[in-house]
């Protein structure tokens, strides 16, 4: 299994409680499926990051494309493969 880093950049429009709740449920589902290792917002409030465990870049992109903040247009995302050299996750 490979690791992928997803970076989110918020578009600046307020996403509201409904999208925020849907996003929280989305990341919990990914975590429970063991595809999600870590996730959270950046302290400056302008985006966030997630670390996924998947077989391919395409799979990681497909997983996060279904994110409520992406589908609603409140954020853009980029996925990059991350080669972990030290430590365990």
N, C-alpha and C. Protein backbone atom coordinates (compact mmCIF):
# COMPACT_ATOMS: atom_id res chain seq x y z
N UNK A 1 0.84 -1.18 0.00
CA UNK A 1 0.00 0.00 0.00
C UNK A 1 0.89 1.24 0.00
N UNK A 2 0.48 2.26 -0.72
CA UNK A 2 1.22 3.51 -0.83
C UNK A 2 0.53 4.59 -0.01
N UNK A 3 1.26 5.67 0.26
CA UNK A 3 0.69 6.80 0.98
C UNK A 3 0.58 8.00 0.04
N UNK A 4 -0.50 8.76 0.23
CA UNK A 4 -0.77 9.93 -0.58
C UNK A 4 -1.16 11.09 0.31
N UNK A 5 -0.67 12.28 -0.03
CA UNK A 5 -1.02 13.48 0.70
C UNK A 5 -2.03 14.26 -0.14
N UNK A 6 -3.14 14.59 0.48
CA UNK A 6 -4.17 15.41 -0.15
C UNK A 6 -4.10 16.79 0.49
N UNK A 7 -3.91 17.82 -0.32
CA UNK A 7 -3.97 19.17 0.21
C UNK A 7 -5.22 19.85 -0.33
N UNK A 8 -5.95 20.48 0.57
CA UNK A 8 -7.16 21.21 0.22
C UNK A 8 -6.90 22.70 0.33
N UNK A 9 -7.42 23.46 -0.59
CA UNK A 9 -7.36 24.91 -0.51
C UNK A 9 -8.79 25.43 -0.62
N UNK A 10 -9.24 26.12 0.43
CA UNK A 10 -10.60 26.64 0.42
C UNK A 10 -10.72 27.79 -0.57
N UNK A 11 -11.88 27.89 -1.21
CA UNK A 11 -12.10 28.89 -2.24
C UNK A 11 -12.47 30.25 -1.68
N UNK A 12 -12.71 30.34 -0.39
CA UNK A 12 -13.03 31.63 0.23
C UNK A 12 -14.50 31.84 0.49
N UNK A 13 -15.35 30.98 -0.04
CA UNK A 13 -16.77 31.10 0.24
C UNK A 13 -17.10 30.30 1.49
N UNK A 14 -17.98 30.84 2.30
CA UNK A 14 -18.36 30.16 3.54
C UNK A 14 -19.14 28.90 3.21
N UNK A 15 -18.68 27.77 3.77
CA UNK A 15 -19.32 26.50 3.41
C UNK A 15 -20.55 26.17 4.23
N UNK A 16 -20.73 26.78 5.36
CA UNK A 16 -21.92 26.56 6.17
C UNK A 16 -21.88 25.25 6.94
N UNK A 17 -22.80 25.13 7.85
CA UNK A 17 -22.86 23.99 8.77
C UNK A 17 -23.14 22.67 8.05
N UNK A 18 -24.00 22.70 7.05
CA UNK A 18 -24.37 21.46 6.35
C UNK A 18 -23.17 20.82 5.65
N UNK A 19 -22.40 21.62 4.93
CA UNK A 19 -21.22 21.09 4.24
C UNK A 19 -20.16 20.67 5.25
N UNK A 20 -19.98 21.47 6.32
CA UNK A 20 -19.00 21.11 7.35
C UNK A 20 -19.34 19.77 8.00
N UNK A 21 -20.60 19.56 8.31
CA UNK A 21 -21.03 18.29 8.92
C UNK A 21 -20.85 17.13 7.95
N UNK A 22 -21.18 17.36 6.68
CA UNK A 22 -21.02 16.32 5.67
C UNK A 22 -19.54 15.97 5.48
N UNK A 23 -18.67 16.98 5.54
CA UNK A 23 -17.24 16.74 5.40
C UNK A 23 -16.72 15.93 6.59
N UNK A 24 -17.17 16.27 7.78
CA UNK A 24 -16.75 15.52 8.97
C UNK A 24 -17.18 14.06 8.86
N UNK A 25 -18.39 13.82 8.41
CA UNK A 25 -18.88 12.44 8.23
C UNK A 25 -18.07 11.72 7.15
N UNK A 26 -17.72 12.43 6.09
CA UNK A 26 -16.92 11.85 5.00
C UNK A 26 -15.56 11.38 5.50
N UNK A 27 -14.84 12.24 6.25
CA UNK A 27 -13.51 11.84 6.71
C UNK A 27 -13.61 10.71 7.74
N UNK A 28 -14.66 10.69 8.55
CA UNK A 28 -14.84 9.58 9.49
C UNK A 28 -15.08 8.26 8.75
N UNK A 29 -15.85 8.30 7.67
CA UNK A 29 -16.07 7.07 6.88
C UNK A 29 -14.76 6.57 6.28
N UNK A 30 -13.96 7.47 5.72
CA UNK A 30 -12.67 7.06 5.16
C UNK A 30 -11.76 6.49 6.24
N UNK A 31 -11.79 7.09 7.41
CA UNK A 31 -10.95 6.61 8.51
C UNK A 31 -11.39 5.22 8.95
N UNK A 32 -12.69 5.01 9.03
CA UNK A 32 -13.21 3.70 9.43
C UNK A 32 -12.92 2.62 8.40
N UNK A 33 -12.77 3.02 7.14
CA UNK A 33 -12.41 2.07 6.08
C UNK A 33 -10.91 1.85 6.00
N UNK A 34 -10.16 2.50 6.85
CA UNK A 34 -8.68 2.48 6.95
C UNK A 34 -7.98 3.11 5.75
N UNK A 35 -8.70 3.80 4.88
CA UNK A 35 -8.05 4.51 3.79
C UNK A 35 -7.43 5.82 4.28
N UNK A 36 -8.00 6.40 5.33
CA UNK A 36 -7.53 7.66 5.86
C UNK A 36 -6.66 7.42 7.08
N UNK A 37 -5.46 8.00 7.06
CA UNK A 37 -4.52 7.86 8.16
C UNK A 37 -4.60 9.07 9.09
N UNK A 38 -4.54 10.26 8.51
CA UNK A 38 -4.58 11.53 9.25
C UNK A 38 -5.37 12.55 8.44
N UNK A 39 -6.03 13.48 9.13
CA UNK A 39 -6.72 14.56 8.42
C UNK A 39 -6.96 15.71 9.37
N UNK A 40 -6.99 16.92 8.82
CA UNK A 40 -7.33 18.08 9.62
C UNK A 40 -7.08 19.37 8.88
N UNK A 41 -7.65 20.46 9.42
CA UNK A 41 -7.46 21.77 8.79
C UNK A 41 -6.12 22.38 9.18
N UNK A 42 -5.65 23.29 8.35
CA UNK A 42 -4.48 24.08 8.70
C UNK A 42 -4.91 25.14 9.71
N UNK A 43 -4.00 25.55 10.54
CA UNK A 43 -4.29 26.50 11.60
C UNK A 43 -4.74 27.86 11.07
N UNK A 44 -4.32 28.21 9.85
CA UNK A 44 -4.69 29.52 9.30
C UNK A 44 -6.09 29.53 8.70
N UNK A 45 -6.76 28.36 8.68
CA UNK A 45 -8.14 28.29 8.19
C UNK A 45 -8.29 28.35 6.68
N UNK A 46 -7.19 28.26 5.94
CA UNK A 46 -7.27 28.39 4.49
C UNK A 46 -7.24 27.08 3.75
N UNK A 47 -7.30 25.97 4.47
CA UNK A 47 -7.29 24.67 3.81
C UNK A 47 -7.03 23.58 4.81
N UNK A 48 -6.65 22.44 4.30
CA UNK A 48 -6.37 21.31 5.18
C UNK A 48 -5.56 20.25 4.45
N UNK A 49 -5.31 19.17 5.15
CA UNK A 49 -4.50 18.10 4.60
C UNK A 49 -5.00 16.76 5.10
N UNK A 50 -4.81 15.76 4.29
CA UNK A 50 -5.14 14.39 4.67
C UNK A 50 -4.05 13.47 4.13
N UNK A 51 -3.80 12.40 4.85
CA UNK A 51 -2.88 11.36 4.39
C UNK A 51 -3.72 10.11 4.16
N UNK A 52 -3.68 9.60 2.95
CA UNK A 52 -4.44 8.41 2.58
C UNK A 52 -3.52 7.23 2.35
N UNK A 53 -4.04 6.05 2.57
CA UNK A 53 -3.35 4.80 2.27
C UNK A 53 -4.17 4.12 1.17
N UNK A 54 -3.59 4.05 -0.04
CA UNK A 54 -4.29 3.50 -1.20
C UNK A 54 -3.31 2.73 -2.08
N UNK A 55 -3.85 2.06 -3.08
CA UNK A 55 -3.02 1.33 -4.02
C UNK A 55 -2.44 2.20 -5.14
N UNK A 56 -3.15 3.30 -5.48
CA UNK A 56 -2.70 4.11 -6.61
C UNK A 56 -3.12 5.56 -6.44
N UNK A 57 -2.45 6.42 -7.20
CA UNK A 57 -2.81 7.83 -7.23
C UNK A 57 -4.24 8.01 -7.71
N UNK A 58 -4.62 7.25 -8.70
CA UNK A 58 -5.99 7.35 -9.24
C UNK A 58 -7.02 7.00 -8.18
N UNK A 59 -6.75 5.98 -7.39
CA UNK A 59 -7.67 5.60 -6.32
C UNK A 59 -7.78 6.71 -5.27
N UNK A 60 -6.66 7.29 -4.89
CA UNK A 60 -6.67 8.37 -3.90
C UNK A 60 -7.43 9.58 -4.44
N UNK A 61 -7.21 9.93 -5.70
CA UNK A 61 -7.93 11.06 -6.30
C UNK A 61 -9.43 10.79 -6.34
N UNK A 62 -9.80 9.58 -6.71
CA UNK A 62 -11.22 9.22 -6.78
C UNK A 62 -11.87 9.30 -5.39
N UNK A 63 -11.18 8.82 -4.37
CA UNK A 63 -11.72 8.88 -3.02
C UNK A 63 -12.00 10.31 -2.60
N UNK A 64 -11.04 11.21 -2.82
CA UNK A 64 -11.22 12.57 -2.33
C UNK A 64 -12.09 13.42 -3.23
N UNK A 65 -12.26 13.04 -4.48
CA UNK A 65 -13.15 13.77 -5.38
C UNK A 65 -14.58 13.76 -4.85
N UNK A 66 -14.93 12.72 -4.06
CA UNK A 66 -16.27 12.61 -3.48
C UNK A 66 -16.43 13.41 -2.19
N UNK A 67 -15.39 14.12 -1.78
CA UNK A 67 -15.45 14.93 -0.57
C UNK A 67 -16.51 16.02 -0.72
N UNK A 68 -17.35 16.22 0.30
CA UNK A 68 -18.38 17.26 0.21
C UNK A 68 -17.84 18.66 -0.05
N UNK A 69 -16.68 19.01 0.48
CA UNK A 69 -16.15 20.36 0.22
C UNK A 69 -15.68 20.50 -1.23
N UNK A 70 -15.29 19.42 -1.85
CA UNK A 70 -14.90 19.45 -3.27
C UNK A 70 -16.15 19.49 -4.14
N UNK A 71 -17.08 18.58 -3.88
CA UNK A 71 -18.32 18.54 -4.68
C UNK A 71 -19.09 19.84 -4.63
N UNK A 72 -19.06 20.51 -3.48
CA UNK A 72 -19.82 21.76 -3.32
C UNK A 72 -19.09 22.97 -3.88
N UNK A 73 -17.82 22.80 -4.29
CA UNK A 73 -17.05 23.91 -4.84
C UNK A 73 -16.40 24.80 -3.79
N UNK A 74 -16.42 24.39 -2.53
CA UNK A 74 -15.83 25.20 -1.47
C UNK A 74 -14.32 24.98 -1.31
N UNK A 75 -13.78 24.04 -2.04
CA UNK A 75 -12.34 23.78 -1.97
C UNK A 75 -11.87 23.12 -3.26
N UNK A 76 -10.59 23.28 -3.52
CA UNK A 76 -9.92 22.53 -4.57
C UNK A 76 -8.95 21.59 -3.88
N UNK A 77 -8.48 20.57 -4.60
CA UNK A 77 -7.57 19.63 -3.97
C UNK A 77 -6.49 19.17 -4.93
N UNK A 78 -5.42 18.71 -4.32
CA UNK A 78 -4.30 18.13 -5.07
C UNK A 78 -3.84 16.90 -4.31
N UNK A 79 -3.55 15.84 -5.04
CA UNK A 79 -3.09 14.59 -4.42
C UNK A 79 -1.69 14.30 -4.95
N UNK A 80 -0.80 13.97 -4.02
CA UNK A 80 0.58 13.62 -4.40
C UNK A 80 0.99 12.37 -3.65
N UNK A 81 1.72 11.49 -4.33
CA UNK A 81 2.25 10.32 -3.64
C UNK A 81 3.35 10.76 -2.69
N UNK A 82 3.36 10.15 -1.51
CA UNK A 82 4.32 10.50 -0.47
C UNK A 82 5.12 9.26 -0.13
N UNK A 83 6.41 9.34 -0.32
CA UNK A 83 7.29 8.21 -0.01
C UNK A 83 7.81 8.39 1.41
N UNK A 84 7.27 7.64 2.33
CA UNK A 84 7.65 7.73 3.74
C UNK A 84 9.02 7.08 3.93
N UNK A 85 9.99 7.86 4.37
CA UNK A 85 11.34 7.35 4.55
C UNK A 85 11.65 6.99 6.00
N UNK A 86 10.98 7.65 6.92
CA UNK A 86 11.28 7.45 8.33
C UNK A 86 9.99 7.49 9.14
N UNK A 87 9.82 6.56 10.02
CA UNK A 87 8.63 6.51 10.86
C UNK A 87 7.60 5.54 10.31
N UNK A 88 6.57 5.36 11.07
CA UNK A 88 5.50 4.46 10.67
C UNK A 88 4.16 5.16 10.80
N UNK A 89 3.30 4.92 9.83
CA UNK A 89 1.93 5.40 9.91
C UNK A 89 1.00 4.32 9.42
